[in-house]
Structures are given as structure tokens and as C-alpha cells.
Amino acid sequence: EAVGGFQPLEAGEDIALVSALRHAGYRVDASAALHAVTSGRLRGRLRE
């Protein structure tokens, strides 16, 4: 909430949020243990 949350972007809303968090001085850890399986389709629901 402090950095304004997700912006209404068609793609890259996750990148924009993490960038805002880091710019504001929040600690963002990058974990390899937190690993998920996602769809392998070649035509997705959004561009980029």
C-alpha cells in the first residue's frame, strides 16, 4: 500500500511493483526455493 500497489498495466504490473518497492527502500528477497509450475502454452492471455 505504501508504494501504491499494482498499477493497471496490461503487462509488467509485477515488475513495476517490485521496482517501486526497491526504490522505496523495502527489502525484496529473491528465492529459488519458492518455485512454481506454470502453463507451458505458447499463446497466453496477455501480450509480453
ModelCIF file with pLDDT and N, C-alpha, C, O atoms, coordinates in Angstrom:
data_MODEL
#
_entry.id   MODEL 
#
_entity.id                         1 
_entity.type                       polymer 
_entity.pdbx_number_of_molecules   1 
#
_entity_poly.entity_id                      1 
_entity_poly.type                           'polypeptide(L)' 
_entity_poly.nstd_linkage                   no 
_entity_poly.nstd_monomer                   no 
_entity_poly.pdbx_seq_one_letter_code       EAVGGFQPLEAGEDIALVSALRHAGYRVDASAALHAVTSGRLRGRLRE 
_entity_poly.pdbx_seq_one_letter_code_can   EAVGGFQPLEAGEDIALVSALRHAGYRVDASAALHAVTSGRLRGRLRE 
_entity_poly.pdbx_strand_id                 A 
#
loop_
_entity_poly_seq.entity_id 
_entity_poly_seq.num 
_entity_poly_seq.mon_id 
_entity_poly_seq.hetero 
1 1  GLU n 
1 2  ALA n 
1 3  VAL n 
1 4  GLY n 
1 5  GLY n 
1 6  PHE n 
1 7  GLN n 
1 8  PRO n 
1 9  LEU n 
1 10 GLU n 
1 11 ALA n 
1 12 GLY n 
1 13 GLU n 
1 14 ASP n 
1 15 ILE n 
1 16 ALA n 
1 17 LEU n 
1 18 VAL n 
1 19 SER n 
1 20 ALA n 
1 21 LEU n 
1 22 ARG n 
1 23 HIS n 
1 24 ALA n 
1 25 GLY n 
1 26 TYR n 
1 27 ARG n 
1 28 VAL n 
1 29 ASP n 
1 30 ALA n 
1 31 SER n 
1 32 ALA n 
1 33 ALA n 
1 34 LEU n 
1 35 HIS n 
1 36 ALA n 
1 37 VAL n 
1 38 THR n 
1 39 SER n 
1 40 GLY n 
1 41 ARG n 
1 42 LEU n 
1 43 ARG n 
1 44 GLY n 
1 45 ARG n 
1 46 LEU n 
1 47 ARG n 
1 48 GLU n 
#
_struct_asym.id          A 
_struct_asym.entity_id   1 
#
loop_
_ma_qa_metric.id 
_ma_qa_metric.mode 
_ma_qa_metric.name 
_ma_qa_metric.software_group_id 
_ma_qa_metric.type 
1 global pLDDT . pLDDT 
2 local  pLDDT . pLDDT 
#
_ma_qa_metric_global.metric_id      1 
_ma_qa_metric_global.metric_value   88.98 
_ma_qa_metric_global.model_id       1 
_ma_qa_metric_global.ordinal_id     1 
#
loop_
_ma_qa_metric_local.label_asym_id 
_ma_qa_metric_local.label_comp_id 
_ma_qa_metric_local.label_seq_id 
_ma_qa_metric_local.metric_id 
_ma_qa_metric_local.metric_value 
_ma_qa_metric_local.model_id 
_ma_qa_metric_local.ordinal_id 
A GLU 1  2 97.00 1 1  
A ALA 2  2 98.00 1 2  
A VAL 3  2 98.00 1 3  
A GLY 4  2 98.00 1 4  
A GLY 5  2 98.00 1 5  
A PHE 6  2 98.00 1 6  
A GLN 7  2 97.00 1 7  
A PRO 8  2 97.00 1 8  
A LEU 9  2 95.00 1 9  
A GLU 10 2 90.00 1 10 
A ALA 11 2 89.00 1 11 
A GLY 12 2 92.00 1 12 
A GLU 13 2 96.00 1 13 
A ASP 14 2 96.00 1 14 
A ILE 15 2 96.00 1 15 
A ALA 16 2 98.00 1 16 
A LEU 17 2 98.00 1 17 
A VAL 18 2 98.00 1 18 
A SER 19 2 98.00 1 19 
A ALA 20 2 98.00 1 20 
A LEU 21 2 98.00 1 21 
A ARG 22 2 98.00 1 22 
A HIS 23 2 98.00 1 23 
A ALA 24 2 98.00 1 24 
A GLY 25 2 98.00 1 25 
A TYR 26 2 98.00 1 26 
A ARG 27 2 98.00 1 27 
A VAL 28 2 98.00 1 28 
A ASP 29 2 98.00 1 29 
A ALA 30 2 98.00 1 30 
A SER 31 2 97.00 1 31 
A ALA 32 2 94.00 1 32 
A ALA 33 2 92.00 1 33 
A LEU 34 2 96.00 1 34 
A HIS 35 2 95.00 1 35 
A ALA 36 2 97.00 1 36 
A VAL 37 2 95.00 1 37 
A THR 38 2 91.00 1 38 
A SER 39 2 86.00 1 39 
A GLY 40 2 73.00 1 40 
A ARG 41 2 68.00 1 41 
A LEU 42 2 46.00 1 42 
A ARG 43 2 60.00 1 43 
A GLY 44 2 53.00 1 44 
A ARG 45 2 57.00 1 45 
A LEU 46 2 55.00 1 46 
A ARG 47 2 57.00 1 47 
A GLU 48 2 54.00 1 48 
#
loop_
_atom_site.group_PDB 
_atom_site.id 
_atom_site.type_symbol 
_atom_site.label_atom_id 
_atom_site.label_alt_id 
_atom_site.label_comp_id 
_atom_site.label_asym_id 
_atom_site.label_entity_id 
_atom_site.label_seq_id 
_atom_site.pdbx_PDB_ins_code 
_atom_site.Cartn_x 
_atom_site.Cartn_y 
_atom_site.Cartn_z 
_atom_site.occupancy 
_atom_site.B_iso_or_equiv 
_atom_site.pdbx_formal_charge 
_atom_site.auth_seq_id 
_atom_site.auth_comp_id 
_atom_site.auth_asym_id 
_atom_site.auth_atom_id 
_atom_site.pdbx_PDB_model_num 
ATOM 1   N N  . GLU A 1 1  ? 0.817  -1.207  0.000   1.00 97.00 ? 1  GLU A N  1 
ATOM 2   C CA . GLU A 1 1  ? 0.000  0.000   0.000   1.00 97.00 ? 1  GLU A CA 1 
ATOM 3   C C  . GLU A 1 1  ? 0.855  1.263   0.000   1.00 97.00 ? 1  GLU A C  1 
ATOM 4   O O  . GLU A 1 1  ? 0.467  2.280   -0.575  1.00 97.00 ? 1  GLU A O  1 
ATOM 5   N N  . ALA A 1 2  ? 2.018  1.195   0.646   1.00 98.00 ? 2  ALA A N  1 
ATOM 6   C CA . ALA A 1 2  ? 2.881  2.367   0.733   1.00 98.00 ? 2  ALA A CA 1 
ATOM 7   C C  . ALA A 1 2  ? 3.396  2.812   -0.631  1.00 98.00 ? 2  ALA A C  1 
ATOM 8   O O  . ALA A 1 2  ? 3.642  4.000   -0.838  1.00 98.00 ? 2  ALA A O  1 
ATOM 9   N N  . VAL A 1 3  ? 3.563  1.872   -1.568  1.00 98.00 ? 3  VAL A N  1 
ATOM 10  C CA . VAL A 1 3  ? 4.086  2.236   -2.891  1.00 98.00 ? 3  VAL A CA 1 
ATOM 11  C C  . VAL A 1 3  ? 2.997  2.300   -3.958  1.00 98.00 ? 3  VAL A C  1 
ATOM 12  O O  . VAL A 1 3  ? 3.297  2.447   -5.143  1.00 98.00 ? 3  VAL A O  1 
ATOM 13  N N  . GLY A 1 4  ? 1.751  2.193   -3.549  1.00 98.00 ? 4  GLY A N  1 
ATOM 14  C CA . GLY A 1 4  ? 0.647  2.364   -4.497  1.00 98.00 ? 4  GLY A CA 1 
ATOM 15  C C  . GLY A 1 4  ? 0.118  1.104   -5.128  1.00 98.00 ? 4  GLY A C  1 
ATOM 16  O O  . GLY A 1 4  ? -0.795 1.174   -5.951  1.00 98.00 ? 4  GLY A O  1 
ATOM 17  N N  . GLY A 1 5  ? 0.663  -0.063  -4.770  1.00 98.00 ? 5  GLY A N  1 
ATOM 18  C CA . GLY A 1 5  ? 0.118  -1.330  -5.234  1.00 98.00 ? 5  GLY A CA 1 
ATOM 19  C C  . GLY A 1 5  ? 0.323  -1.593  -6.715  1.00 98.00 ? 5  GLY A C  1 
ATOM 20  O O  . GLY A 1 5  ? 1.124  -0.929  -7.374  1.00 98.00 ? 5  GLY A O  1 
ATOM 21  N N  . PHE A 1 6  ? -0.413 -2.572  -7.230  1.00 98.00 ? 6  PHE A N  1 
ATOM 22  C CA . PHE A 1 6  ? -0.359 -2.915  -8.649  1.00 98.00 ? 6  PHE A CA 1 
ATOM 23  C C  . PHE A 1 6  ? -0.971 -1.790  -9.476  1.00 98.00 ? 6  PHE A C  1 
ATOM 24  O O  . PHE A 1 6  ? -2.037 -1.270  -9.144  1.00 98.00 ? 6  PHE A O  1 
ATOM 25  N N  . GLN A 1 7  ? -0.294 -1.426  -10.542 1.00 97.00 ? 7  GLN A N  1 
ATOM 26  C CA . GLN A 1 7  ? -0.806 -0.425  -11.453 1.00 97.00 ? 7  GLN A CA 1 
ATOM 27  C C  . GLN A 1 7  ? -1.653 -1.097  -12.542 1.00 97.00 ? 7  GLN A C  1 
ATOM 28  O O  . GLN A 1 7  ? -1.424 -2.268  -12.846 1.00 97.00 ? 7  GLN A O  1 
ATOM 29  N N  . PRO A 1 8  ? -2.616 -0.395  -13.133 1.00 97.00 ? 8  PRO A N  1 
ATOM 30  C CA . PRO A 1 8  ? -3.499 -1.000  -14.143 1.00 97.00 ? 8  PRO A CA 1 
ATOM 31  C C  . PRO A 1 8  ? -2.801 -1.161  -15.497 1.00 97.00 ? 8  PRO A C  1 
ATOM 32  O O  . PRO A 1 8  ? -3.186 -0.546  -16.491 1.00 97.00 ? 8  PRO A O  1 
ATOM 33  N N  . LEU A 1 9  ? -1.770 -2.000  -15.508 1.00 95.00 ? 9  LEU A N  1 
ATOM 34  C CA . LEU A 1 9  ? -0.988 -2.248  -16.714 1.00 95.00 ? 9  LEU A CA 1 
ATOM 35  C C  . LEU A 1 9  ? -1.428 -3.551  -17.363 1.00 95.00 ? 9  LEU A C  1 
ATOM 36  O O  . LEU A 1 9  ? -1.803 -4.493  -16.665 1.00 95.00 ? 9  LEU A O  1 
ATOM 37  N N  . GLU A 1 10 ? -1.387 -3.618  -18.678 1.00 90.00 ? 10 GLU A N  1 
ATOM 38  C CA . GLU A 1 10 ? -1.765 -4.833  -19.384 1.00 90.00 ? 10 GLU A CA 1 
ATOM 39  C C  . GLU A 1 10 ? -0.707 -5.917  -19.244 1.00 90.00 ? 10 GLU A C  1 
ATOM 40  O O  . GLU A 1 10 ? -0.998 -7.100  -19.425 1.00 90.00 ? 10 GLU A O  1 
ATOM 41  N N  . ALA A 1 11 ? 0.506  -5.524  -18.925 1.00 89.00 ? 11 ALA A N  1 
ATOM 42  C CA . ALA A 1 11 ? 1.608  -6.459  -18.668 1.00 89.00 ? 11 ALA A CA 1 
ATOM 43  C C  . ALA A 1 11 ? 2.669  -5.705  -17.884 1.00 89.00 ? 11 ALA A C  1 
ATOM 44  O O  . ALA A 1 11 ? 2.763  -4.481  -17.971 1.00 89.00 ? 11 ALA A O  1 
ATOM 45  N N  . GLY A 1 12 ? 3.464  -6.437  -17.120 1.00 92.00 ? 12 GLY A N  1 
ATOM 46  C CA . GLY A 1 12 ? 4.556  -5.817  -16.385 1.00 92.00 ? 12 GLY A CA 1 
ATOM 47  C C  . GLY A 1 12 ? 4.156  -5.160  -15.086 1.00 92.00 ? 12 GLY A C  1 
ATOM 48  O O  . GLY A 1 12 ? 4.954  -4.435  -14.493 1.00 92.00 ? 12 GLY A O  1 
ATOM 49  N N  . GLU A 1 13 ? 2.930  -5.397  -14.626 1.00 96.00 ? 13 GLU A N  1 
ATOM 50  C CA . GLU A 1 13 ? 2.491  -4.817  -13.356 1.00 96.00 ? 13 GLU A CA 1 
ATOM 51  C C  . GLU A 1 13 ? 3.296  -5.361  -12.186 1.00 96.00 ? 13 GLU A C  1 
ATOM 52  O O  . GLU A 1 13 ? 3.501  -4.666  -11.192 1.00 96.00 ? 13 GLU A O  1 
ATOM 53  N N  . ASP A 1 14 ? 3.754  -6.605  -12.304 1.00 96.00 ? 14 ASP A N  1 
ATOM 54  C CA . ASP A 1 14 ? 4.582  -7.212  -11.264 1.00 96.00 ? 14 ASP A CA 1 
ATOM 55  C C  . ASP A 1 14 ? 5.964  -6.564  -11.215 1.00 96.00 ? 14 ASP A C  1 
ATOM 56  O O  . ASP A 1 14 ? 6.485  -6.289  -10.134 1.00 96.00 ? 14 ASP A O  1 
ATOM 57  N N  . ILE A 1 15 ? 6.552  -6.321  -12.375 1.00 96.00 ? 15 ILE A N  1 
ATOM 58  C CA . ILE A 1 15 ? 7.862  -5.670  -12.444 1.00 96.00 ? 15 ILE A CA 1 
ATOM 59  C C  . ILE A 1 15 ? 7.783  -4.249  -11.904 1.00 96.00 ? 15 ILE A C  1 
ATOM 60  O O  . ILE A 1 15 ? 8.667  -3.813  -11.167 1.00 96.00 ? 15 ILE A O  1 
ATOM 61  N N  . ALA A 1 16 ? 6.731  -3.530  -12.267 1.00 98.00 ? 16 ALA A N  1 
ATOM 62  C CA . ALA A 1 16 ? 6.567  -2.153  -11.799 1.00 98.00 ? 16 ALA A CA 1 
ATOM 63  C C  . ALA A 1 16 ? 6.443  -2.095  -10.286 1.00 98.00 ? 16 ALA A C  1 
ATOM 64  O O  . ALA A 1 16 ? 7.000  -1.200  -9.651  1.00 98.00 ? 16 ALA A O  1 
ATOM 65  N N  . LEU A 1 17 ? 5.707  -3.055  -9.693  1.00 98.00 ? 17 LEU A N  1 
ATOM 66  C CA . LEU A 1 17 ? 5.537  -3.067  -8.245  1.00 98.00 ? 17 LEU A CA 1 
ATOM 67  C C  . LEU A 1 17 ? 6.861  -3.363  -7.540  1.00 98.00 ? 17 LEU A C  1 
ATOM 68  O O  . LEU A 1 17 ? 7.217  -2.676  -6.583  1.00 98.00 ? 17 LEU A O  1 
ATOM 69  N N  . VAL A 1 18 ? 7.584  -4.368  -7.999  1.00 98.00 ? 18 VAL A N  1 
ATOM 70  C CA . VAL A 1 18 ? 8.859  -4.705  -7.367  1.00 98.00 ? 18 VAL A CA 1 
ATOM 71  C C  . VAL A 1 18 ? 9.846  -3.553  -7.502  1.00 98.00 ? 18 VAL A C  1 
ATOM 72  O O  . VAL A 1 18 ? 10.587 -3.261  -6.562  1.00 98.00 ? 18 VAL A O  1 
ATOM 73  N N  . SER A 1 19 ? 9.865  -2.895  -8.657  1.00 98.00 ? 19 SER A N  1 
ATOM 74  C CA . SER A 1 19 ? 10.735 -1.734  -8.842  1.00 98.00 ? 19 SER A CA 1 
ATOM 75  C C  . SER A 1 19 ? 10.393 -0.629  -7.850  1.00 98.00 ? 19 SER A C  1 
ATOM 76  O O  . SER A 1 19 ? 11.286 -0.004  -7.278  1.00 98.00 ? 19 SER A O  1 
ATOM 77  N N  . ALA A 1 20 ? 9.088  -0.388  -7.644  1.00 98.00 ? 20 ALA A N  1 
ATOM 78  C CA . ALA A 1 20 ? 8.659  0.645   -6.692  1.00 98.00 ? 20 ALA A CA 1 
ATOM 79  C C  . ALA A 1 20 ? 9.046  0.275   -5.265  1.00 98.00 ? 20 ALA A C  1 
ATOM 80  O O  . ALA A 1 20 ? 9.450  1.140   -4.488  1.00 98.00 ? 20 ALA A O  1 
ATOM 81  N N  . LEU A 1 21 ? 8.926  -0.992  -4.918  1.00 98.00 ? 21 LEU A N  1 
ATOM 82  C CA . LEU A 1 21 ? 9.305  -1.442  -3.578  1.00 98.00 ? 21 LEU A CA 1 
ATOM 83  C C  . LEU A 1 21 ? 10.797 -1.224  -3.336  1.00 98.00 ? 21 LEU A C  1 
ATOM 84  O O  . LEU A 1 21 ? 11.194 -0.701  -2.295  1.00 98.00 ? 21 LEU A O  1 
ATOM 85  N N  . ARG A 1 22 ? 11.609 -1.625  -4.293  1.00 98.00 ? 22 ARG A N  1 
ATOM 86  C CA . ARG A 1 22 ? 13.050 -1.466  -4.127  1.00 98.00 ? 22 ARG A CA 1 
ATOM 87  C C  . ARG A 1 22 ? 13.447 0.003   -4.101  1.00 98.00 ? 22 ARG A C  1 
ATOM 88  O O  . ARG A 1 22 ? 14.302 0.401   -3.310  1.00 98.00 ? 22 ARG A O  1 
ATOM 89  N N  . HIS A 1 23 ? 12.839 0.802   -4.951  1.00 98.00 ? 23 HIS A N  1 
ATOM 90  C CA . HIS A 1 23 ? 13.142 2.234   -4.989  1.00 98.00 ? 23 HIS A CA 1 
ATOM 91  C C  . HIS A 1 23 ? 12.807 2.899   -3.658  1.00 98.00 ? 23 HIS A C  1 
ATOM 92  O O  . HIS A 1 23 ? 13.488 3.833   -3.235  1.00 98.00 ? 23 HIS A O  1 
ATOM 93  N N  . ALA A 1 24 ? 11.757 2.413   -3.003  1.00 98.00 ? 24 ALA A N  1 
ATOM 94  C CA . ALA A 1 24 ? 11.336 2.985   -1.717  1.00 98.00 ? 24 ALA A CA 1 
ATOM 95  C C  . ALA A 1 24 ? 12.145 2.435   -0.545  1.00 98.00 ? 24 ALA A C  1 
ATOM 96  O O  . ALA A 1 24 ? 11.925 2.838   0.597   1.00 98.00 ? 24 ALA A O  1 
ATOM 97  N N  . GLY A 1 25 ? 13.062 1.537   -0.807  1.00 98.00 ? 25 GLY A N  1 
ATOM 98  C CA . GLY A 1 25 ? 13.921 1.021   0.252   1.00 98.00 ? 25 GLY A CA 1 
ATOM 99  C C  . GLY A 1 25 ? 13.423 -0.226  0.949   1.00 98.00 ? 25 GLY A C  1 
ATOM 100 O O  . GLY A 1 25 ? 13.986 -0.628  1.967   1.00 98.00 ? 25 GLY A O  1 
ATOM 101 N N  . TYR A 1 26 ? 12.383 -0.846  0.426   1.00 98.00 ? 26 TYR A N  1 
ATOM 102 C CA . TYR A 1 26 ? 11.886 -2.083  1.037   1.00 98.00 ? 26 TYR A CA 1 
ATOM 103 C C  . TYR A 1 26 ? 12.783 -3.256  0.645   1.00 98.00 ? 26 TYR A C  1 
ATOM 104 O O  . TYR A 1 26 ? 13.385 -3.273  -0.429  1.00 98.00 ? 26 TYR A O  1 
ATOM 105 N N  . ARG A 1 27 ? 12.853 -4.221  1.536   1.00 98.00 ? 27 ARG A N  1 
ATOM 106 C CA . ARG A 1 27 ? 13.681 -5.405  1.289   1.00 98.00 ? 27 ARG A CA 1 
ATOM 107 C C  . ARG A 1 27 ? 12.894 -6.433  0.485   1.00 98.00 ? 27 ARG A C  1 
ATOM 108 O O  . ARG A 1 27 ? 11.880 -6.955  0.948   1.00 98.00 ? 27 ARG A O  1 
ATOM 109 N N  . VAL A 1 28 ? 13.372 -6.720  -0.727  1.00 98.00 ? 28 VAL A N  1 
ATOM 110 C CA . VAL A 1 28 ? 12.751 -7.719  -1.598  1.00 98.00 ? 28 VAL A CA 1 
ATOM 111 C C  . VAL A 1 28 ? 13.748 -8.852  -1.791  1.00 98.00 ? 28 VAL A C  1 
ATOM 112 O O  . VAL A 1 28 ? 14.779 -8.666  -2.438  1.00 98.00 ? 28 VAL A O  1 
ATOM 113 N N  . ASP A 1 29 ? 13.452 -10.019 -1.239  1.00 98.00 ? 29 ASP A N  1 
ATOM 114 C CA . ASP A 1 29 ? 14.321 -11.184 -1.386  1.00 98.00 ? 29 ASP A CA 1 
ATOM 115 C C  . ASP A 1 29 ? 13.925 -11.966 -2.639  1.00 98.00 ? 29 ASP A C  1 
ATOM 116 O O  . ASP A 1 29 ? 12.748 -12.048 -2.988  1.00 98.00 ? 29 ASP A O  1 
ATOM 117 N N  . ALA A 1 30 ? 14.921 -12.534 -3.304  1.00 98.00 ? 30 ALA A N  1 
ATOM 118 C CA . ALA A 1 30 ? 14.680 -13.362 -4.490  1.00 98.00 ? 30 ALA A CA 1 
ATOM 119 C C  . ALA A 1 30 ? 15.030 -14.803 -4.141  1.00 98.00 ? 30 ALA A C  1 
ATOM 120 O O  . ALA A 1 30 ? 16.185 -15.115 -3.851  1.00 98.00 ? 30 ALA A O  1 
ATOM 121 N N  . SER A 1 31 ? 14.036 -15.672 -4.170  1.00 97.00 ? 31 SER A N  1 
ATOM 122 C CA . SER A 1 31 ? 14.194 -17.036 -3.664  1.00 97.00 ? 31 SER A CA 1 
ATOM 123 C C  . SER A 1 31 ? 14.074 -18.073 -4.768  1.00 97.00 ? 31 SER A C  1 
ATOM 124 O O  . SER A 1 31 ? 13.155 -18.025 -5.585  1.00 97.00 ? 31 SER A O  1 
ATOM 125 N N  . ALA A 1 32 ? 15.018 -19.013 -4.781  1.00 94.00 ? 32 ALA A N  1 
ATOM 126 C CA . ALA A 1 32 ? 14.908 -20.154 -5.687  1.00 94.00 ? 32 ALA A CA 1 
ATOM 127 C C  . ALA A 1 32 ? 14.078 -21.274 -5.066  1.00 94.00 ? 32 ALA A C  1 
ATOM 128 O O  . ALA A 1 32 ? 13.570 -22.140 -5.778  1.00 94.00 ? 32 ALA A O  1 
ATOM 129 N N  . ALA A 1 33 ? 13.940 -21.259 -3.737  1.00 92.00 ? 33 ALA A N  1 
ATOM 130 C CA . ALA A 1 33 ? 13.152 -22.287 -3.059  1.00 92.00 ? 33 ALA A CA 1 
ATOM 131 C C  . ALA A 1 33 ? 11.666 -22.103 -3.316  1.00 92.00 ? 33 ALA A C  1 
ATOM 132 O O  . ALA A 1 33 ? 10.906 -23.072 -3.297  1.00 92.00 ? 33 ALA A O  1 
ATOM 133 N N  . LEU A 1 34 ? 11.248 -20.871 -3.555  1.00 96.00 ? 34 LEU A N  1 
ATOM 134 C CA . LEU A 1 34 ? 9.849  -20.567 -3.849  1.00 96.00 ? 34 LEU A CA 1 
ATOM 135 C C  . LEU A 1 34 ? 9.637  -20.779 -5.348  1.00 96.00 ? 34 LEU A C  1 
ATOM 136 O O  . LEU A 1 34 ? 9.758  -19.840 -6.134  1.00 96.00 ? 34 LEU A O  1 
ATOM 137 N N  . HIS A 1 35 ? 9.325  -22.001 -5.736  1.00 95.00 ? 35 HIS A N  1 
ATOM 138 C CA . HIS A 1 35 ? 9.340  -22.403 -7.150  1.00 95.00 ? 35 HIS A CA 1 
ATOM 139 C C  . HIS A 1 35 ? 7.984  -22.979 -7.543  1.00 95.00 ? 35 HIS A C  1 
ATOM 140 O O  . HIS A 1 35 ? 7.469  -23.864 -6.859  1.00 95.00 ? 35 HIS A O  1 
ATOM 141 N N  . ALA A 1 36 ? 7.405  -22.494 -8.621  1.00 97.00 ? 36 ALA A N  1 
ATOM 142 C CA . ALA A 1 36 ? 6.078  -22.917 -9.059  1.00 97.00 ? 36 ALA A CA 1 
ATOM 143 C C  . ALA A 1 36 ? 6.126  -23.422 -10.492 1.00 97.00 ? 36 ALA A C  1 
ATOM 144 O O  . ALA A 1 36 ? 7.058  -23.124 -11.239 1.00 97.00 ? 36 ALA A O  1 
ATOM 145 N N  . VAL A 1 37 ? 5.111  -24.189 -10.864 1.00 95.00 ? 37 VAL A N  1 
ATOM 146 C CA . VAL A 1 37 ? 4.973  -24.695 -12.233 1.00 95.00 ? 37 VAL A CA 1 
ATOM 147 C C  . VAL A 1 37 ? 3.814  -23.967 -12.888 1.00 95.00 ? 37 VAL A C  1 
ATOM 148 O O  . VAL A 1 37 ? 2.702  -23.945 -12.360 1.00 95.00 ? 37 VAL A O  1 
ATOM 149 N N  . THR A 1 38 ? 4.083  -23.368 -14.048 1.00 91.00 ? 38 THR A N  1 
ATOM 150 C CA . THR A 1 38 ? 3.046  -22.604 -14.730 1.00 91.00 ? 38 THR A CA 1 
ATOM 151 C C  . THR A 1 38 ? 2.805  -23.170 -16.129 1.00 91.00 ? 38 THR A C  1 
ATOM 152 O O  . THR A 1 38 ? 3.556  -24.029 -16.591 1.00 91.00 ? 38 THR A O  1 
ATOM 153 N N  . SER A 1 39 ? 1.789  -22.702 -16.781 1.00 86.00 ? 39 SER A N  1 
ATOM 154 C CA . SER A 1 39 ? 1.412  -23.247 -18.081 1.00 86.00 ? 39 SER A CA 1 
ATOM 155 C C  . SER A 1 39 ? 2.543  -23.093 -19.098 1.00 86.00 ? 39 SER A C  1 
ATOM 156 O O  . SER A 1 39 ? 3.234  -22.074 -19.128 1.00 86.00 ? 39 SER A O  1 
ATOM 157 N N  . GLY A 1 40 ? 2.717  -24.122 -19.929 1.00 73.00 ? 40 GLY A N  1 
ATOM 158 C CA . GLY A 1 40 ? 3.715  -24.072 -20.991 1.00 73.00 ? 40 GLY A CA 1 
ATOM 159 C C  . GLY A 1 40 ? 3.129  -23.722 -22.339 1.00 73.00 ? 40 GLY A C  1 
ATOM 160 O O  . GLY A 1 40 ? 3.768  -23.953 -23.365 1.00 73.00 ? 40 GLY A O  1 
ATOM 161 N N  . ARG A 1 41 ? 1.928  -23.170 -22.365 1.00 68.00 ? 41 ARG A N  1 
ATOM 162 C CA . ARG A 1 41 ? 1.300  -22.818 -23.637 1.00 68.00 ? 41 ARG A CA 1 
ATOM 163 C C  . ARG A 1 41 ? 2.071  -21.687 -24.322 1.00 68.00 ? 41 ARG A C  1 
ATOM 164 O O  . ARG A 1 41 ? 2.752  -20.896 -23.671 1.00 68.00 ? 41 ARG A O  1 
ATOM 165 N N  . LEU A 1 42 ? 1.947  -21.633 -25.637 1.00 46.00 ? 42 LEU A N  1 
ATOM 166 C CA . LEU A 1 42 ? 2.657  -20.618 -26.417 1.00 46.00 ? 42 LEU A CA 1 
ATOM 167 C C  . LEU A 1 42 ? 1.768  -19.423 -26.768 1.00 46.00 ? 42 LEU A C  1 
ATOM 168 O O  . LEU A 1 42 ? 2.249  -18.417 -27.289 1.00 46.00 ? 42 LEU A O  1 
ATOM 169 N N  . ARG A 1 43 ? 0.487  -19.539 -26.482 1.00 60.00 ? 43 ARG A N  1 
ATOM 170 C CA . ARG A 1 43 ? -0.421 -18.409 -26.686 1.00 60.00 ? 43 ARG A CA 1 
ATOM 171 C C  . ARG A 1 43 ? -1.112 -18.129 -25.366 1.00 60.00 ? 43 ARG A C  1 
ATOM 172 O O  . ARG A 1 43 ? -1.958 -18.903 -24.920 1.00 60.00 ? 43 ARG A O  1 
ATOM 173 N N  . GLY A 1 44 ? -0.748 -17.021 -24.745 1.00 53.00 ? 44 GLY A N  1 
ATOM 174 C CA . GLY A 1 44 ? -1.254 -16.712 -23.421 1.00 53.00 ? 44 GLY A CA 1 
ATOM 175 C C  . GLY A 1 44 ? -2.410 -15.748 -23.425 1.00 53.00 ? 44 GLY A C  1 
ATOM 176 O O  . GLY A 1 44 ? -2.985 -15.449 -24.472 1.00 53.00 ? 44 GLY A O  1 
ATOM 177 N N  . ARG A 1 45 ? -2.757 -15.247 -22.214 1.00 57.00 ? 45 ARG A N  1 
ATOM 178 C CA . ARG A 1 45 ? -3.888 -14.361 -22.044 1.00 57.00 ? 45 ARG A CA 1 
ATOM 179 C C  . ARG A 1 45 ? -3.513 -12.884 -22.192 1.00 57.00 ? 45 ARG A C  1 
ATOM 180 O O  . ARG A 1 45 ? -4.388 -12.021 -22.252 1.00 57.00 ? 45 ARG A O  1 
ATOM 181 N N  . LEU A 1 46 ? -2.196 -12.595 -22.253 1.00 55.00 ? 46 LEU A N  1 
ATOM 182 C CA . LEU A 1 46 ? -1.775 -11.210 -22.379 1.00 55.00 ? 46 LEU A CA 1 
ATOM 183 C C  . LEU A 1 46 ? -0.499 -11.141 -23.183 1.00 55.00 ? 46 LEU A C  1 
ATOM 184 O O  . LEU A 1 46 ? 0.258  -12.110 -23.253 1.00 55.00 ? 46 LEU A O  1 
ATOM 185 N N  . ARG A 1 47 ? -0.260 -9.981  -23.797 1.00 57.00 ? 47 ARG A N  1 
ATOM 186 C CA . ARG A 1 47 ? 0.949  -9.777  -24.573 1.00 57.00 ? 47 ARG A CA 1 
ATOM 187 C C  . ARG A 1 47 ? 2.134  -9.521  -23.640 1.00 57.00 ? 47 ARG A C  1 
ATOM 188 O O  . ARG A 1 47 ? 1.981  -8.987  -22.542 1.00 57.00 ? 47 ARG A O  1 
ATOM 189 N N  . GLU A 1 48 ? 3.304  -9.912  -24.103 1.00 54.00 ? 48 GLU A N  1 
ATOM 190 C CA . GLU A 1 48 ? 4.543  -9.702  -23.383 1.00 54.00 ? 48 GLU A CA 1 
ATOM 191 C C  . GLU A 1 48 ? 4.576  -10.459 -22.052 1.00 54.00 ? 48 GLU A C  1 
ATOM 192 O O  . GLU A 1 48 ? 5.564  -10.382 -21.322 1.00 54.00 ? 48 GLU A O  1 
#
